[in-house]
PDB file of N, CA and C in Angstrom:
ATOM      1  N   MET A   1      17.085   8.004   0.098  1.00  0.00           N
ATOM      2  CA  MET A   1      16.693   6.805   0.819  1.00  0.00           C
ATOM      3  C   MET A   1      16.052   5.828  -0.171  1.00  0.00           C
ATOM      4  N   ARG A   2      16.500   4.603  -0.133  1.00  0.00           N
ATOM      5  CA  ARG A   2      15.995   3.573  -1.038  1.00  0.00           C
ATOM      6  C   ARG A   2      14.677   3.000  -0.515  1.00  0.00           C
ATOM      7  N   THR A   3      13.766   2.754  -1.429  1.00  0.00           N
ATOM      8  CA  THR A   3      12.477   2.158  -1.070  1.00  0.00           C
ATOM      9  C   THR A   3      12.678   0.714  -0.624  1.00  0.00           C
ATOM     10  N   GLN A   4      12.073   0.369   0.498  1.00  0.00           N
ATOM     11  CA  GLN A   4      12.113  -1.009   0.974  1.00  0.00           C
ATOM     12  C   GLN A   4      11.020  -1.796   0.261  1.00  0.00           C
ATOM     13  N   ALA A   5      11.387  -2.935  -0.277  1.00  0.00           N
ATOM     14  CA  ALA A   5      10.414  -3.787  -0.962  1.00  0.00           C
ATOM     15  C   ALA A   5       9.860  -4.816   0.016  1.00  0.00           C
ATOM     16  N   MET A   6       8.623  -5.210  -0.219  1.00  0.00           N
ATOM     17  CA  MET A   6       8.010  -6.281   0.561  1.00  0.00           C
ATOM     18  C   MET A   6       7.499  -7.331  -0.420  1.00  0.00           C
ATOM     19  N   SER A   7       7.778  -8.573  -0.121  1.00  0.00           N
ATOM     20  CA  SER A   7       7.323  -9.664  -0.988  1.00  0.00           C
ATOM     21  C   SER A   7       5.884 -10.055  -0.640  1.00  0.00           C
ATOM     22  N   ARG A   8       5.276 -10.827  -1.521  1.00  0.00           N
ATOM     23  CA  ARG A   8       3.935 -11.359  -1.279  1.00  0.00           C
ATOM     24  C   ARG A   8       3.930 -12.180   0.007  1.00  0.00           C
ATOM     25  N   ALA A   9       4.929 -13.041   0.177  1.00  0.00           N
ATOM     26  CA  ALA A   9       4.993 -13.896   1.371  1.00  0.00           C
ATOM     27  C   ALA A   9       5.110 -13.056   2.644  1.00  0.00           C
ATOM     28  N   GLU A  10       5.915 -12.007   2.594  1.00  0.00           N
ATOM     29  CA  GLU A  10       6.063 -11.136   3.769  1.00  0.00           C
ATOM     30  C   GLU A  10       4.753 -10.418   4.092  1.00  0.00           C
ATOM     31  N   LEU A  11       4.079  -9.927   3.055  1.00  0.00           N
ATOM     32  CA  LEU A  11       2.806  -9.238   3.280  1.00  0.00           C
ATOM     33  C   LEU A  11       1.762 -10.207   3.823  1.00  0.00           C
ATOM     34  N   LYS A  12       1.679 -11.387   3.245  1.00  0.00           N
ATOM     35  CA  LYS A  12       0.708 -12.384   3.720  1.00  0.00           C
ATOM     36  C   LYS A  12       0.989 -12.744   5.179  1.00  0.00           C
ATOM     37  N   ALA A  13       2.259 -12.894   5.538  1.00  0.00           N
ATOM     38  CA  ALA A  13       2.618 -13.210   6.926  1.00  0.00           C
ATOM     39  C   ALA A  13       2.196 -12.083   7.871  1.00  0.00           C
ATOM     40  N   LYS A  14       2.373 -10.835   7.450  1.00  0.00           N
ATOM     41  CA  LYS A  14       1.948  -9.696   8.274  1.00  0.00           C
ATOM     42  C   LYS A  14       0.435  -9.720   8.470  1.00  0.00           C
ATOM     43  N   LEU A  15      -0.292  -9.979   7.385  1.00  0.00           N
ATOM     44  CA  LEU A  15      -1.752 -10.028   7.472  1.00  0.00           C
ATOM     45  C   LEU A  15      -2.213 -11.209   8.321  1.00  0.00           C
ATOM     46  N   ASP A  16      -1.624 -12.374   8.114  1.00  0.00           N
ATOM     47  CA  ASP A  16      -1.996 -13.567   8.878  1.00  0.00           C
ATOM     48  C   ASP A  16      -1.648 -13.423  10.351  1.00  0.00           C
ATOM     49  N   GLY A  17      -0.567 -12.695  10.639  1.00  0.00           N
ATOM     50  CA  GLY A  17      -0.123 -12.506  12.013  1.00  0.00           C
ATOM     51  C   GLY A  17      -0.876 -11.416  12.752  1.00  0.00           C
ATOM     52  N   LYS A  18      -1.833 -10.809  12.077  1.00  0.00           N
ATOM     53  CA  LYS A  18      -2.656  -9.752  12.685  1.00  0.00           C
ATOM     54  C   LYS A  18      -1.814  -8.579  13.181  1.00  0.00           C
ATOM     55  N   GLU A  19      -0.673  -8.361  12.517  1.00  0.00           N
ATOM     56  CA  GLU A  19       0.149  -7.203  12.879  1.00  0.00           C
ATOM     57  C   GLU A  19      -0.615  -5.926  12.584  1.00  0.00           C
ATOM     58  N   ARG A  20      -0.359  -4.923  13.372  1.00  0.00           N
ATOM     59  CA  ARG A  20      -0.993  -3.623  13.152  1.00  0.00           C
ATOM     60  C   ARG A  20      -0.098  -2.811  12.221  1.00  0.00           C
ATOM     61  N   PHE A  21      -0.632  -2.505  11.048  1.00  0.00           N
ATOM     62  CA  PHE A  21       0.092  -1.678  10.084  1.00  0.00           C
ATOM     63  C   PHE A  21      -0.907  -1.112   9.088  1.00  0.00           C
ATOM     64  N   HIS A  22      -0.483  -0.139   8.329  1.00  0.00           N
ATOM     65  CA  HIS A  22      -1.323   0.480   7.310  1.00  0.00           C
ATOM     66  C   HIS A  22      -1.016  -0.175   5.970  1.00  0.00           C
ATOM     67  N   LEU A  23      -2.050  -0.608   5.262  1.00  0.00           N
ATOM     68  CA  LEU A  23      -1.911  -1.212   3.939  1.00  0.00           C
ATOM     69  C   LEU A  23      -2.773  -0.404   2.985  1.00  0.00           C
ATOM     70  N   TRP A  24      -2.132   0.226   2.000  1.00  0.00           N
ATOM     71  CA  TRP A  24      -2.839   1.151   1.115  1.00  0.00           C
ATOM     72  C   TRP A  24      -2.708   0.773  -0.346  1.00  0.00           C
ATOM     73  N   ASN A  25      -3.828   0.783  -1.030  1.00  0.00           N
ATOM     74  CA  ASN A  25      -3.891   0.689  -2.483  1.00  0.00           C
ATOM     75  C   ASN A  25      -3.731   2.124  -2.980  1.00  0.00           C
ATOM     76  N   VAL A  26      -2.644   2.422  -3.684  1.00  0.00           N
ATOM     77  CA  VAL A  26      -2.345   3.802  -4.085  1.00  0.00           C
ATOM     78  C   VAL A  26      -2.651   4.081  -5.555  1.00  0.00           C
ATOM     79  N   LEU A  27      -3.480   3.251  -6.166  1.00  0.00           N
ATOM     80  CA  LEU A  27      -3.867   3.490  -7.557  1.00  0.00           C
ATOM     81  C   LEU A  27      -4.629   4.806  -7.696  1.00  0.00           C
ATOM     82  N   SER A  28      -4.534   5.413  -8.863  1.00  0.00           N
ATOM     83  CA  SER A  28      -5.267   6.643  -9.157  1.00  0.00           C
ATOM     84  C   SER A  28      -6.762   6.347  -9.245  1.00  0.00           C
ATOM     85  N   ALA A  29      -7.564   7.390  -9.197  1.00  0.00           N
ATOM     86  CA  ALA A  29      -9.016   7.233  -9.318  1.00  0.00           C
ATOM     87  C   ALA A  29      -9.383   6.574 -10.640  1.00  0.00           C
ATOM     88  N   GLU A  30      -8.624   6.845 -11.682  1.00  0.00           N
ATOM     89  CA  GLU A  30      -8.894   6.271 -13.003  1.00  0.00           C
ATOM     90  C   GLU A  30      -8.624   4.763 -13.039  1.00  0.00           C
ATOM     91  N   SER A  31      -7.666   4.306 -12.268  1.00  0.00           N
ATOM     92  CA  SER A  31      -7.265   2.895 -12.288  1.00  0.00           C
ATOM     93  C   SER A  31      -7.896   2.059 -11.176  1.00  0.00           C
ATOM     94  N   TYR A  32      -8.355   2.715 -10.132  1.00  0.00           N
ATOM     95  CA  TYR A  32      -8.883   2.015  -8.961  1.00  0.00           C
ATOM     96  C   TYR A  32     -10.189   1.285  -9.274  1.00  0.00           C
ATOM     97  N   ARG A  33     -10.295   0.048  -8.774  1.00  0.00           N
ATOM     98  CA  ARG A  33     -11.522  -0.745  -8.890  1.00  0.00           C
ATOM     99  C   ARG A  33     -11.942  -1.161  -7.480  1.00  0.00           C
ATOM    100  N   PRO A  34     -13.081  -0.680  -6.991  1.00  0.00           N
ATOM    101  CA  PRO A  34     -13.499  -0.978  -5.618  1.00  0.00           C
ATOM    102  C   PRO A  34     -13.609  -2.467  -5.306  1.00  0.00           C
ATOM    103  N   GLU A  35     -13.834  -3.284  -6.329  1.00  0.00           N
ATOM    104  CA  GLU A  35     -13.991  -4.726  -6.086  1.00  0.00           C
ATOM    105  C   GLU A  35     -12.657  -5.464  -6.035  1.00  0.00           C
ATOM    106  N   ALA A  36     -11.551  -4.772  -6.232  1.00  0.00           N
ATOM    107  CA  ALA A  36     -10.242  -5.435  -6.287  1.00  0.00           C
ATOM    108  C   ALA A  36      -9.261  -4.798  -5.302  1.00  0.00           C
ATOM    109  N   ASN A  37      -9.302  -5.290  -4.070  1.00  0.00           N
ATOM    110  CA  ASN A  37      -8.402  -4.809  -3.027  1.00  0.00           C
ATOM    111  C   ASN A  37      -7.847  -5.988  -2.243  1.00  0.00           C
ATOM    112  N   ILE A  38      -6.633  -5.857  -1.789  1.00  0.00           N
ATOM    113  CA  ILE A  38      -6.070  -6.852  -0.882  1.00  0.00           C
ATOM    114  C   ILE A  38      -6.802  -6.698   0.455  1.00  0.00           C
ATOM    115  N   PRO A  39      -7.238  -7.802   1.065  1.00  0.00           N
ATOM    116  CA  PRO A  39      -7.967  -7.707   2.332  1.00  0.00           C
ATOM    117  C   PRO A  39      -7.210  -6.867   3.366  1.00  0.00           C
ATOM    118  N   GLY A  40      -7.950  -6.014   4.055  1.00  0.00           N
ATOM    119  CA  GLY A  40      -7.359  -5.185   5.097  1.00  0.00           C
ATOM    120  C   GLY A  40      -6.794  -3.871   4.608  1.00  0.00           C
ATOM    121  N   SER A  41      -6.881  -3.625   3.312  1.00  0.00           N
ATOM    122  CA  SER A  41      -6.290  -2.396   2.784  1.00  0.00           C
ATOM    123  C   SER A  41      -7.317  -1.288   2.633  1.00  0.00           C
ATOM    124  N   ALA A  42      -6.802  -0.086   2.525  1.00  0.00           N
ATOM    125  CA  ALA A  42      -7.616   1.102   2.274  1.00  0.00           C
ATOM    126  C   ALA A  42      -7.135   1.733   0.978  1.00  0.00           C
ATOM    127  N   TRP A  43      -8.030   2.414   0.293  1.00  0.00           N
ATOM    128  CA  TRP A  43      -7.641   3.129  -0.922  1.00  0.00           C
ATOM    129  C   TRP A  43      -7.185   4.522  -0.531  1.00  0.00           C
ATOM    130  N   VAL A  44      -5.914   4.780  -0.747  1.00  0.00           N
ATOM    131  CA  VAL A  44      -5.319   6.088  -0.500  1.00  0.00           C
ATOM    132  C   VAL A  44      -4.531   6.439  -1.758  1.00  0.00           C
ATOM    133  N   PRO A  45      -5.166   7.116  -2.721  1.00  0.00           N
ATOM    134  CA  PRO A  45      -4.490   7.380  -3.992  1.00  0.00           C
ATOM    135  C   PRO A  45      -3.222   8.197  -3.816  1.00  0.00           C
ATOM    136  N   LEU A  46      -2.268   7.929  -4.671  1.00  0.00           N
ATOM    137  CA  LEU A  46      -0.982   8.621  -4.643  1.00  0.00           C
ATOM    138  C   LEU A  46      -1.165  10.131  -4.537  1.00  0.00           C
ATOM    139  N   ALA A  47      -2.093  10.686  -5.285  1.00  0.00           N
ATOM    140  CA  ALA A  47      -2.313  12.140  -5.293  1.00  0.00           C
ATOM    141  C   ALA A  47      -2.758  12.678  -3.932  1.00  0.00           C
ATOM    142  N   ALA A  48      -3.296  11.819  -3.068  1.00  0.00           N
ATOM    143  CA  ALA A  48      -3.777  12.253  -1.752  1.00  0.00           C
ATOM    144  C   ALA A  48      -2.671  12.314  -0.705  1.00  0.00           C
ATOM    145  N   LEU A  49      -1.492  11.844  -1.046  1.00  0.00           N
ATOM    146  CA  LEU A  49      -0.413  11.769  -0.055  1.00  0.00           C
ATOM    147  C   LEU A  49       0.226  13.139   0.165  1.00  0.00           C
ATOM    148  N   THR A  50      -0.492  13.962   0.911  1.00  0.00           N
ATOM    149  CA  THR A  50       0.017  15.277   1.287  1.00  0.00           C
ATOM    150  C   THR A  50       0.306  15.267   2.780  1.00  0.00           C
ATOM    151  N   GLU A  51       1.160  16.146   3.204  1.00  0.00           N
ATOM    152  CA  GLU A  51       1.528  16.196   4.617  1.00  0.00           C
ATOM    153  C   GLU A  51       0.301  16.418   5.501  1.00  0.00           C
ATOM    154  N   ARG A  52      -0.568  17.293   5.084  1.00  0.00           N
ATOM    155  CA  ARG A  52      -1.762  17.618   5.872  1.00  0.00           C
ATOM    156  C   ARG A  52      -2.689  16.397   6.005  1.00  0.00           C
ATOM    157  N   PHE A  53      -2.952  15.722   4.888  1.00  0.00           N
ATOM    158  CA  PHE A  53      -3.817  14.542   4.902  1.00  0.00           C
ATOM    159  C   PHE A  53      -3.204  13.437   5.760  1.00  0.00           C
ATOM    160  N   LEU A  54      -1.922  13.196   5.568  1.00  0.00           N
ATOM    161  CA  LEU A  54      -1.252  12.113   6.291  1.00  0.00           C
ATOM    162  C   LEU A  54      -1.166  12.374   7.788  1.00  0.00           C
ATOM    163  N   ALA A  55      -1.083  13.635   8.188  1.00  0.00           N
ATOM    164  CA  ALA A  55      -1.010  13.965   9.613  1.00  0.00           C
ATOM    165  C   ALA A  55      -2.242  13.452  10.357  1.00  0.00           C
ATOM    166  N   HIS A  56      -3.374  13.413   9.683  1.00  0.00           N
ATOM    167  CA  HIS A  56      -4.607  12.894  10.296  1.00  0.00           C
ATOM    168  C   HIS A  56      -4.693  11.376  10.189  1.00  0.00           C
ATOM    169  N   LEU A  57      -4.229  10.845   9.070  1.00  0.00           N
ATOM    170  CA  LEU A  57      -4.345   9.411   8.804  1.00  0.00           C
ATOM    171  C   LEU A  57      -3.318   8.588   9.586  1.00  0.00           C
ATOM    172  N   VAL A  58      -2.083   9.079   9.614  1.00  0.00           N
ATOM    173  CA  VAL A  58      -0.976   8.374  10.278  1.00  0.00           C
ATOM    174  C   VAL A  58      -0.153   9.400  11.060  1.00  0.00           C
ATOM    175  N   PRO A  59      -0.575   9.728  12.276  1.00  0.00           N
ATOM    176  CA  PRO A  59       0.147  10.753  13.022  1.00  0.00           C
ATOM    177  C   PRO A  59       1.568  10.360  13.425  1.00  0.00           C
ATOM    178  N   GLY A  60       1.816   9.056  13.605  1.00  0.00           N
ATOM    179  CA  GLY A  60       3.148   8.609  14.007  1.00  0.00           C
ATOM    180  C   GLY A  60       4.007   8.281  12.801  1.00  0.00           C
ATOM    181  N   LYS A  61       5.075   9.015  12.607  1.00  0.00           N
ATOM    182  CA  LYS A  61       5.903   8.818  11.410  1.00  0.00           C
ATOM    183  C   LYS A  61       6.722   7.530  11.456  1.00  0.00           C
ATOM    184  N   GLY A  62       6.679   6.814  12.568  1.00  0.00           N
ATOM    185  CA  GLY A  62       7.360   5.533  12.663  1.00  0.00           C
ATOM    186  C   GLY A  62       6.435   4.339  12.457  1.00  0.00           C
ATOM    187  N   GLU A  63       5.156   4.612  12.204  1.00  0.00           N
ATOM    188  CA  GLU A  63       4.203   3.520  11.977  1.00  0.00           C
ATOM    189  C   GLU A  63       4.506   2.838  10.642  1.00  0.00           C
ATOM    190  N   THR A  64       4.255   1.539  10.583  1.00  0.00           N
ATOM    191  CA  THR A  64       4.519   0.778   9.360  1.00  0.00           C
ATOM    192  C   THR A  64       3.436   1.048   8.323  1.00  0.00           C
ATOM    193  N   ILE A  65       3.883   1.364   7.104  1.00  0.00           N
ATOM    194  CA  ILE A  65       2.979   1.604   5.978  1.00  0.00           C
ATOM    195  C   ILE A  65       3.448   0.741   4.814  1.00  0.00           C
ATOM    196  N   VAL A  66       2.525  -0.034   4.241  1.00  0.00           N
ATOM    197  CA  VAL A  66       2.809  -0.834   3.048  1.00  0.00           C
ATOM    198  C   VAL A  66       1.892  -0.318   1.943  1.00  0.00           C
ATOM    199  N   VAL A  67       2.488   0.017   0.799  1.00  0.00           N
ATOM    200  CA  VAL A  67       1.708   0.523  -0.334  1.00  0.00           C
ATOM    201  C   VAL A  67       1.798  -0.457  -1.496  1.00  0.00           C
ATOM    202  N   TYR A  68       0.732  -0.514  -2.291  1.00  0.00           N
ATOM    203  CA  TYR A  68       0.732  -1.371  -3.481  1.00  0.00           C
ATOM    204  C   TYR A  68      -0.115  -0.722  -4.562  1.00  0.00           C
ATOM    205  N   CYS A  69       0.061  -1.209  -5.785  1.00  0.00           N
ATOM    206  CA  CYS A  69      -0.761  -0.739  -6.904  1.00  0.00           C
ATOM    207  C   CYS A  69      -1.101  -1.937  -7.779  1.00  0.00           C
ATOM    208  N   GLY A  70      -1.167  -1.750  -9.079  1.00  0.00           N
ATOM    209  CA  GLY A  70      -1.633  -2.803  -9.972  1.00  0.00           C
ATOM    210  C   GLY A  70      -0.689  -3.963 -10.170  1.00  0.00           C
ATOM    211  N   GLY A  71       0.597  -3.709 -10.099  1.00  0.00           N
ATOM    212  CA  GLY A  71       1.565  -4.769 -10.334  1.00  0.00           C
ATOM    213  C   GLY A  71       2.927  -4.208 -10.668  1.00  0.00           C
ATOM    214  N   PRO A  72       3.855  -5.064 -11.071  1.00  0.00           N
ATOM    215  CA  PRO A  72       5.235  -4.643 -11.323  1.00  0.00           C
ATOM    216  C   PRO A  72       5.379  -3.523 -12.360  1.00  0.00           C
ATOM    217  N   ALA A  73       4.471  -3.447 -13.327  1.00  0.00           N
ATOM    218  CA  ALA A  73       4.571  -2.406 -14.357  1.00  0.00           C
ATOM    219  C   ALA A  73       4.007  -1.065 -13.885  1.00  0.00           C
ATOM    220  N   CYS A  74       3.349  -1.052 -12.750  1.00  0.00           N
ATOM    221  CA  CYS A  74       2.729   0.161 -12.211  1.00  0.00           C
ATOM    222  C   CYS A  74       3.737   0.881 -11.309  1.00  0.00           C
ATOM    223  N   PRO A  75       4.064   2.140 -11.594  1.00  0.00           N
ATOM    224  CA  PRO A  75       5.055   2.853 -10.796  1.00  0.00           C
ATOM    225  C   PRO A  75       4.511   3.464  -9.504  1.00  0.00           C
ATOM    226  N   SER A  76       3.211   3.429  -9.293  1.00  0.00           N
ATOM    227  CA  SER A  76       2.615   4.171  -8.174  1.00  0.00           C
ATOM    228  C   SER A  76       3.097   3.734  -6.797  1.00  0.00           C
ATOM    229  N   SER A  77       3.334   2.439  -6.588  1.00  0.00           N
ATOM    230  CA  SER A  77       3.767   2.002  -5.254  1.00  0.00           C
ATOM    231  C   SER A  77       5.149   2.554  -4.922  1.00  0.00           C
ATOM    232  N   LYS A  78       6.067   2.508  -5.876  1.00  0.00           N
ATOM    233  CA  LYS A  78       7.403   3.068  -5.629  1.00  0.00           C
ATOM    234  C   LYS A  78       7.328   4.576  -5.417  1.00  0.00           C
ATOM    235  N   GLN A  79       6.505   5.248  -6.221  1.00  0.00           N
ATOM    236  CA  GLN A  79       6.354   6.698  -6.090  1.00  0.00           C
ATOM    237  C   GLN A  79       5.743   7.060  -4.742  1.00  0.00           C
ATOM    238  N   ALA A  80       4.743   6.306  -4.309  1.00  0.00           N
ATOM    239  CA  ALA A  80       4.107   6.568  -3.021  1.00  0.00           C
ATOM    240  C   ALA A  80       5.086   6.346  -1.874  1.00  0.00           C
ATOM    241  N   ALA A  81       5.855   5.269  -1.942  1.00  0.00           N
ATOM    242  CA  ALA A  81       6.841   4.993  -0.891  1.00  0.00           C
ATOM    243  C   ALA A  81       7.874   6.114  -0.822  1.00  0.00           C
ATOM    244  N   ALA A  82       8.345   6.566  -1.966  1.00  0.00           N
ATOM    245  CA  ALA A  82       9.324   7.660  -1.995  1.00  0.00           C
ATOM    246  C   ALA A  82       8.719   8.941  -1.424  1.00  0.00           C
ATOM    247  N   LYS A  83       7.473   9.219  -1.755  1.00  0.00           N
ATOM    248  CA  LYS A  83       6.785  10.414  -1.246  1.00  0.00           C
ATOM    249  C   LYS A  83       6.654  10.339   0.271  1.00  0.00           C
ATOM    250  N   LEU A  84       6.232   9.190   0.778  1.00  0.00           N
ATOM    251  CA  LEU A  84       6.096   9.016   2.223  1.00  0.00           C
ATOM    252  C   LEU A  84       7.436   9.210   2.928  1.00  0.00           C
ATOM    253  N   GLN A  85       8.488   8.645   2.360  1.00  0.00           N
ATOM    254  CA  GLN A  85       9.818   8.807   2.950  1.00  0.00           C
ATOM    255  C   GLN A  85      10.241  10.269   2.932  1.00  0.00           C
ATOM    256  N   SER A  86       9.941  10.977   1.861  1.00  0.00           N
ATOM    257  CA  SER A  86      10.320  12.393   1.773  1.00  0.00           C
ATOM    258  C   SER A  86       9.571  13.233   2.806  1.00  0.00           C
ATOM    259  N   LEU A  87       8.417  12.743   3.257  1.00  0.00           N
ATOM    260  CA  LEU A  87       7.640  13.440   4.282  1.00  0.00           C
ATOM    261  C   LEU A  87       8.011  12.994   5.694  1.00  0.00           C
ATOM    262  N   GLY A  88       9.030  12.147   5.811  1.00  0.00           N
ATOM    263  CA  GLY A  88       9.550  11.770   7.117  1.00  0.00           C
ATOM    264  C   GLY A  88       9.076  10.446   7.677  1.00  0.00           C
ATOM    265  N   TYR A  89       8.278   9.701   6.923  1.00  0.00           N
ATOM    266  CA  TYR A  89       7.841   8.383   7.391  1.00  0.00           C
ATOM    267  C   TYR A  89       8.999   7.406   7.221  1.00  0.00           C
ATOM    268  N   THR A  90       9.267   6.634   8.268  1.00  0.00           N
ATOM    269  CA  THR A  90      10.508   5.856   8.299  1.00  0.00           C
ATOM    270  C   THR A  90      10.342   4.351   8.100  1.00  0.00           C
ATOM    271  N   ASP A  91       9.134   3.831   8.224  1.00  0.00           N
ATOM    272  CA  ASP A  91       8.922   2.384   8.110  1.00  0.00           C
ATOM    273  C   ASP A  91       7.946   2.114   6.963  1.00  0.00           C
ATOM    274  N   VAL A  92       8.427   2.376   5.745  1.00  0.00           N
ATOM    275  CA  VAL A  92       7.594   2.341   4.543  1.00  0.00           C
ATOM    276  C   VAL A  92       8.077   1.229   3.617  1.00  0.00           C
ATOM    277  N   PHE A  93       7.130   0.462   3.090  1.00  0.00           N
ATOM    278  CA  PHE A  93       7.441  -0.634   2.171  1.00  0.00           C
ATOM    279  C   PHE A  93       6.557  -0.543   0.937  1.00  0.00           C
ATOM    280  N   ALA A  94       7.095  -0.968  -0.196  1.00  0.00           N
ATOM    281  CA  ALA A  94       6.319  -1.085  -1.429  1.00  0.00           C
ATOM    282  C   ALA A  94       6.178  -2.565  -1.764  1.00  0.00           C
ATOM    283  N   TYR A  95       4.940  -3.008  -1.874  1.00  0.00           N
ATOM    284  CA  TYR A  95       4.667  -4.358  -2.367  1.00  0.00           C
ATOM    285  C   TYR A  95       4.508  -4.203  -3.872  1.00  0.00           C
ATOM    286  N   GLU A  96       5.625  -4.371  -4.572  1.00  0.00           N
ATOM    287  CA  GLU A  96       5.678  -4.077  -5.999  1.00  0.00           C
ATOM    288  C   GLU A  96       4.945  -5.105  -6.850  1.00  0.00           C
ATOM    289  N   GLY A  97       4.711  -6.297  -6.326  1.00  0.00           N
ATOM    290  CA  GLY A  97       3.943  -7.292  -7.066  1.00  0.00           C
ATOM    291  C   GLY A  97       2.497  -6.861  -7.250  1.00  0.00           C
ATOM    292  N   GLY A  98       1.991  -6.142  -6.275  1.00  0.00           N
ATOM    293  CA  GLY A  98       0.671  -5.548  -6.347  1.00  0.00           C
ATOM    294  C   GLY A  98      -0.474  -6.527  -6.563  1.00  0.00           C
ATOM    295  N   LEU A  99      -1.559  -5.972  -7.078  1.00  0.00           N
ATOM    296  CA  LEU A  99      -2.784  -6.750  -7.280  1.00  0.00           C
ATOM    297  C   LEU A  99      -2.582  -7.945  -8.191  1.00  0.00           C
ATOM    298  N   SER A 100      -1.789  -7.773  -9.244  1.00  0.00           N
ATOM    299  CA  SER A 100      -1.616  -8.882 -10.189  1.00  0.00           C
ATOM    300  C   SER A 100      -0.898 -10.060  -9.531  1.00  0.00           C
ATOM    301  N   ASP A 101       0.181  -9.802  -8.801  1.00  0.00           N
ATOM    302  CA  ASP A 101       0.923 -10.871  -8.129  1.00  0.00           C
ATOM    303  C   ASP A 101       0.047 -11.546  -7.075  1.00  0.00           C
ATOM    304  N   TRP A 102      -0.677 -10.745  -6.324  1.00  0.00           N
ATOM    305  CA  TRP A 102      -1.533 -11.265  -5.260  1.00  0.00           C
ATOM    306  C   TRP A 102      -2.588 -12.218  -5.831  1.00  0.00           C
ATOM    307  N   SER A 103      -3.333 -11.756  -6.839  1.00  0.00           N
ATOM    308  CA  SER A 103      -4.431 -12.569  -7.376  1.00  0.00           C
ATOM    309  C   SER A 103      -3.932 -13.743  -8.216  1.00  0.00           C
ATOM    310  N   GLU A 104      -2.839 -13.566  -8.950  1.00  0.00           N
ATOM    311  CA  GLU A 104      -2.301 -14.658  -9.769  1.00  0.00           C
ATOM    312  C   GLU A 104      -1.776 -15.814  -8.926  1.00  0.00           C
ATOM    313  N   ASN A 105      -1.554 -15.559  -7.644  1.00  0.00           N
ATOM    314  CA  ASN A 105      -1.078 -16.608  -6.751  1.00  0.00           C
ATOM    315  C   ASN A 105      -2.191 -17.143  -5.854  1.00  0.00           C
ATOM    316  N   GLY A 106      -3.425 -16.938  -6.304  1.00  0.00           N
ATOM    317  CA  GLY A 106      -4.568 -17.544  -5.638  1.00  0.00           C
ATOM    318  C   GLY A 106      -5.022 -16.873  -4.363  1.00  0.00           C
ATOM    319  N   LEU A 107      -4.528 -15.682  -4.100  1.00  0.00           N
ATOM    320  CA  LEU A 107      -4.930 -14.983  -2.881  1.00  0.00           C
ATOM    321  C   LEU A 107      -6.143 -14.107  -3.183  1.00  0.00           C
ATOM    322  N   PRO A 108      -7.003 -13.907  -2.201  1.00  0.00           N
ATOM    323  CA  PRO A 108      -8.273 -13.229  -2.467  1.00  0.00           C
ATOM    324  C   PRO A 108      -8.146 -11.721  -2.636  1.00  0.00           C
ATOM    325  N   LEU A 109      -9.017 -11.194  -3.478  1.00  0.00           N
ATOM    326  CA  LEU A 109      -9.231  -9.756  -3.576  1.00  0.00           C
ATOM    327  C   LEU A 109     -10.633  -9.506  -3.053  1.00  0.00           C
ATOM    328  N   VAL A 110     -10.819  -8.398  -2.368  1.00  0.00           N
ATOM    329  CA  VAL A 110     -12.119  -8.104  -1.769  1.00  0.00           C
ATOM    330  C   VAL A 110     -12.617  -6.736  -2.211  1.00  0.00           C
ATOM    331  N   LYS A 111     -13.911  -6.552  -2.056  1.00  0.00           N
ATOM    332  CA  LYS A 111     -14.527  -5.262  -2.343  1.00  0.00           C
ATOM    333  C   LYS A 111     -14.195  -4.312  -1.199  1.00  0.00           C
ATOM    334  N   ALA A 112     -13.954  -3.064  -1.548  1.00  0.00           N
ATOM    335  CA  ALA A 112     -13.633  -2.061  -0.533  1.00  0.00           C
ATOM    336  C   ALA A 112     -14.798  -1.896   0.432  1.00  0.00           C
ATOM    337  N   ALA A 113     -14.480  -1.670   1.688  1.00  0.00           N
ATOM    338  CA  ALA A 113     -15.516  -1.417   2.687  1.00  0.00           C
ATOM    339  C   ALA A 113     -16.139  -0.050   2.421  1.00  0.00           C
ATOM    340  N   GLY A 114     -17.402   0.091   2.790  1.00  0.00           N
ATOM    341  CA  GLY A 114     -18.058   1.389   2.637  1.00  0.00           C
ATOM    342  C   GLY A 114     -18.686   1.488   1.341  1.00  0.00           C
TER     343      GLY A 114
END
């Protein structure tokens, strides 16, 4: 199954439209910066994407999940999307532009909640 890509404009429209979906920063603990997140996202590192963990986080395998990482050179978003698909999640997108594309286009980054 091929990973579905999501553009910056598509992600911004989803966020602006108040659609209900999961938006995850999948950077590793070594790369993650709590002060740099796309608004509305949660940090769910790639290594945490296990069937057991996901069963609690996203019980419905048809729920929309968008994953992102540092930017086009970062493979984590594609890897996370592929992992989610292999676990049976059907509405998965990778925002491959990631943090760099988001911030370079004047969109805000926020500090993680908590």
